[in-house]
């Protein structure tokens, strides 16, 4: 994965907000979970916010997602744990990546993240 130029506390604030956006969008919008589904949503132009876990092994599973997101002009945020990401998405297991395809009530949170990021 890539390094970050943000201060660690800024990264954690963005990660927490991203997880919050996923939780809100889970109930009022629409999510796709897993690296394959996330990749397809980005390529189809459906992605509103992409969130990738940093602790995925091997890293090659998700290495292309931040690059593809940047290419398509979609905000991509990294979170420390795939287990937390999975829990926010309503899964009982961890997930490598999640994409919000319909914001629902998370639209305001996503806008804040775009301004900060």
C-alpha atoms as a PDB file:
ATOM      1  CA  UNK A   1       0.000   0.000   0.000  1.00  0.00           C
ATOM      2  CA  UNK A   2       1.079   3.581  -0.297  1.00  0.00           C
ATOM      3  CA  UNK A   3       2.396   5.800   2.471  1.00  0.00           C
ATOM      4  CA  UNK A   4       0.505   8.811   3.694  1.00  0.00           C
ATOM      5  CA  UNK A   5       1.565  12.422   4.129  1.00  0.00           C
ATOM      6  CA  UNK A   6      -1.168  13.123   6.673  1.00  0.00           C
ATOM      7  CA  UNK A   7      -0.446  13.219  10.383  1.00  0.00           C
ATOM      8  CA  UNK A   8      -1.460   9.968  12.153  1.00  0.00           C
ATOM      9  CA  UNK A   9      -4.307  11.703  14.008  1.00  0.00           C
ATOM     10  CA  UNK A  10      -5.707  13.029  10.695  1.00  0.00           C
ATOM     11  CA  UNK A  11      -5.580   9.538   9.217  1.00  0.00           C
ATOM     12  CA  UNK A  12      -7.504   8.108  12.174  1.00  0.00           C
ATOM     13  CA  UNK A  13     -10.156  10.862  12.016  1.00  0.00           C
ATOM     14  CA  UNK A  14     -10.696  10.140   8.321  1.00  0.00           C
ATOM     15  CA  UNK A  15     -10.748   6.378   8.991  1.00  0.00           C
ATOM     16  CA  UNK A  16     -13.347   6.788  11.740  1.00  0.00           C
ATOM     17  CA  UNK A  17     -15.498   9.030   9.531  1.00  0.00           C
ATOM     18  CA  UNK A  18     -15.193   6.555   6.653  1.00  0.00           C
ATOM     19  CA  UNK A  19     -16.364   3.712   8.900  1.00  0.00           C
ATOM     20  CA  UNK A  20     -19.233   5.907  10.105  1.00  0.00           C
ATOM     21  CA  UNK A  21     -20.209   6.642   6.489  1.00  0.00           C
ATOM     22  CA  UNK A  22     -20.256   2.908   5.754  1.00  0.00           C
ATOM     23  CA  UNK A  23     -22.474   2.205   8.766  1.00  0.00           C
ATOM     24  CA  UNK A  24     -24.936   4.924   7.720  1.00  0.00           C
ATOM     25  CA  UNK A  25     -24.920   3.899   4.045  1.00  0.00           C
ATOM     26  CA  UNK A  26     -25.457   0.266   5.044  1.00  0.00           C
ATOM     27  CA  UNK A  27     -28.925   1.111   6.337  1.00  0.00           C
ATOM     28  CA  UNK A  28     -29.933   4.038   4.104  1.00  0.00           C
ATOM     29  CA  UNK A  29     -27.878   3.497   0.937  1.00  0.00           C
ATOM     30  CA  UNK A  30     -26.101   0.659  -0.823  1.00  0.00           C
ATOM     31  CA  UNK A  31     -22.696  -1.001  -0.329  1.00  0.00           C
ATOM     32  CA  UNK A  32     -20.561  -3.503  -2.196  1.00  0.00           C
ATOM     33  CA  UNK A  33     -18.112  -5.612  -0.205  1.00  0.00           C
ATOM     34  CA  UNK A  34     -14.917  -7.415  -1.165  1.00  0.00           C
ATOM     35  CA  UNK A  35     -12.073  -6.456  -3.472  1.00  0.00           C
ATOM     36  CA  UNK A  36     -13.692  -7.896  -6.621  1.00  0.00           C
ATOM     37  CA  UNK A  37     -17.028  -6.116  -6.090  1.00  0.00           C
ATOM     38  CA  UNK A  38     -15.245  -2.876  -5.197  1.00  0.00           C
ATOM     39  CA  UNK A  39     -13.107  -3.074  -8.348  1.00  0.00           C
ATOM     40  CA  UNK A  40     -16.191  -3.615 -10.524  1.00  0.00           C
ATOM     41  CA  UNK A  41     -18.065  -0.704  -8.925  1.00  0.00           C
ATOM     42  CA  UNK A  42     -15.118   1.654  -9.484  1.00  0.00           C
ATOM     43  CA  UNK A  43     -14.693   0.561 -13.108  1.00  0.00           C
ATOM     44  CA  UNK A  44     -18.434   1.021 -13.772  1.00  0.00           C
ATOM     45  CA  UNK A  45     -18.385   4.548 -12.335  1.00  0.00           C
ATOM     46  CA  UNK A  46     -20.739   3.642  -9.470  1.00  0.00           C
ATOM     47  CA  UNK A  47     -18.349   4.325  -6.571  1.00  0.00           C
ATOM     48  CA  UNK A  48     -19.007   7.283  -4.247  1.00  0.00           C
ATOM     49  CA  UNK A  49     -16.444   6.364  -1.557  1.00  0.00           C
ATOM     50  CA  UNK A  50     -13.920   3.524  -1.437  1.00  0.00           C
ATOM     51  CA  UNK A  51     -12.514   2.200   1.844  1.00  0.00           C
ATOM     52  CA  UNK A  52      -9.616  -0.276   1.951  1.00  0.00           C
ATOM     53  CA  UNK A  53      -8.169  -2.152   4.945  1.00  0.00           C
ATOM     54  CA  UNK A  54      -4.423  -1.824   5.562  1.00  0.00           C
ATOM     55  CA  UNK A  55      -3.972  -5.224   7.208  1.00  0.00           C
ATOM     56  CA  UNK A  56      -4.883  -7.306   4.142  1.00  0.00           C
ATOM     57  CA  UNK A  57      -2.422 -10.073   3.267  1.00  0.00           C
ATOM     58  CA  UNK A  58      -1.198 -10.486   0.664  1.00  0.00           C
ATOM     59  CA  UNK A  59      -1.210  -6.765  -0.159  1.00  0.00           C
ATOM     60  CA  UNK A  60      -1.611  -7.585  -3.864  1.00  0.00           C
ATOM     61  CA  UNK A  61      -5.301  -8.274  -3.237  1.00  0.00           C
ATOM     62  CA  UNK A  62      -5.990  -4.550  -2.777  1.00  0.00           C
ATOM     63  CA  UNK A  63      -2.932  -2.780  -4.213  1.00  0.00           C
ATOM     64  CA  UNK A  64      -4.768  -1.793  -7.401  1.00  0.00           C
ATOM     65  CA  UNK A  65      -7.790  -0.258  -5.660  1.00  0.00           C
ATOM     66  CA  UNK A  66      -6.263   3.098  -4.551  1.00  0.00           C
ATOM     67  CA  UNK A  67      -4.695   3.540  -7.998  1.00  0.00           C
ATOM     68  CA  UNK A  68      -7.932   2.717  -9.811  1.00  0.00           C
ATOM     69  CA  UNK A  69      -9.859   5.038  -7.486  1.00  0.00           C
ATOM     70  CA  UNK A  70      -7.471   7.902  -8.198  1.00  0.00           C
ATOM     71  CA  UNK A  71      -7.720   7.245 -11.942  1.00  0.00           C
ATOM     72  CA  UNK A  72     -11.529   7.416 -11.754  1.00  0.00           C
ATOM     73  CA  UNK A  73     -11.563  10.440  -9.418  1.00  0.00           C
ATOM     74  CA  UNK A  74     -13.049   8.600  -6.432  1.00  0.00           C
ATOM     75  CA  UNK A  75     -11.935   9.230  -2.852  1.00  0.00           C
ATOM     76  CA  UNK A  76     -10.185   6.179  -1.373  1.00  0.00           C
ATOM     77  CA  UNK A  77      -9.546   5.984   2.372  1.00  0.00           C
ATOM     78  CA  UNK A  78      -7.469   3.416   4.225  1.00  0.00           C
ATOM     79  CA  UNK A  79      -8.545   2.020   7.582  1.00  0.00           C
ATOM     80  CA  UNK A  80      -6.281  -0.008   9.881  1.00  0.00           C
ATOM     81  CA  UNK A  81      -8.384  -3.164  10.281  1.00  0.00           C
ATOM     82  CA  UNK A  82     -10.304  -5.422   7.916  1.00  0.00           C
ATOM     83  CA  UNK A  83     -12.283  -6.705  10.913  1.00  0.00           C
ATOM     84  CA  UNK A  84     -13.511  -3.187  11.771  1.00  0.00           C
ATOM     85  CA  UNK A  85     -14.270  -2.573   8.103  1.00  0.00           C
ATOM     86  CA  UNK A  86     -16.291  -5.787   7.904  1.00  0.00           C
ATOM     87  CA  UNK A  87     -18.178  -4.962  11.103  1.00  0.00           C
ATOM     88  CA  UNK A  88     -19.072  -1.488   9.793  1.00  0.00           C
ATOM     89  CA  UNK A  89     -20.375  -3.107   6.612  1.00  0.00           C
ATOM     90  CA  UNK A  90     -22.586  -5.467   8.626  1.00  0.00           C
ATOM     91  CA  UNK A  91     -20.441  -8.572   8.162  1.00  0.00           C
ATOM     92  CA  UNK A  92     -19.410 -11.043  10.843  1.00  0.00           C
ATOM     93  CA  UNK A  93     -16.010 -11.430   9.169  1.00  0.00           C
ATOM     94  CA  UNK A  94     -13.407  -8.958   7.966  1.00  0.00           C
ATOM     95  CA  UNK A  95     -13.373  -7.599   4.438  1.00  0.00           C
ATOM     96  CA  UNK A  96     -10.526  -6.181   2.369  1.00  0.00           C
ATOM     97  CA  UNK A  97     -12.525  -3.336   0.832  1.00  0.00           C
ATOM     98  CA  UNK A  98     -15.951  -1.701   0.778  1.00  0.00           C
ATOM     99  CA  UNK A  99     -17.450   0.783  -1.665  1.00  0.00           C
ATOM    100  CA  UNK A 100     -20.478   2.994  -1.177  1.00  0.00           C
ATOM    101  CA  UNK A 101     -22.481   2.995  -4.421  1.00  0.00           C
ATOM    102  CA  UNK A 102     -25.539   4.853  -3.067  1.00  0.00           C
ATOM    103  CA  UNK A 103     -24.846   7.306  -0.264  1.00  0.00           C
ATOM    104  CA  UNK A 104     -28.243   7.465   1.388  1.00  0.00           C
ATOM    105  CA  UNK A 105     -27.933   9.565   4.559  1.00  0.00           C
ATOM    106  CA  UNK A 106     -24.108   9.284   4.435  1.00  0.00           C
ATOM    107  CA  UNK A 107     -23.880  11.965   1.740  1.00  0.00           C
ATOM    108  CA  UNK A 108     -22.924  14.720   4.204  1.00  0.00           C
ATOM    109  CA  UNK A 109     -20.175  12.595   5.794  1.00  0.00           C
ATOM    110  CA  UNK A 110     -18.760  11.748   2.355  1.00  0.00           C
ATOM    111  CA  UNK A 111     -18.722  15.449   1.415  1.00  0.00           C
ATOM    112  CA  UNK A 112     -16.807  16.235   4.636  1.00  0.00           C
ATOM    113  CA  UNK A 113     -14.273  13.524   3.803  1.00  0.00           C
ATOM    114  CA  UNK A 114     -13.821  14.888   0.278  1.00  0.00           C
ATOM    115  CA  UNK A 115     -13.153  18.380   1.653  1.00  0.00           C
ATOM    116  CA  UNK A 116     -10.656  17.017   4.206  1.00  0.00           C
ATOM    117  CA  UNK A 117      -8.945  14.637   1.818  1.00  0.00           C
END
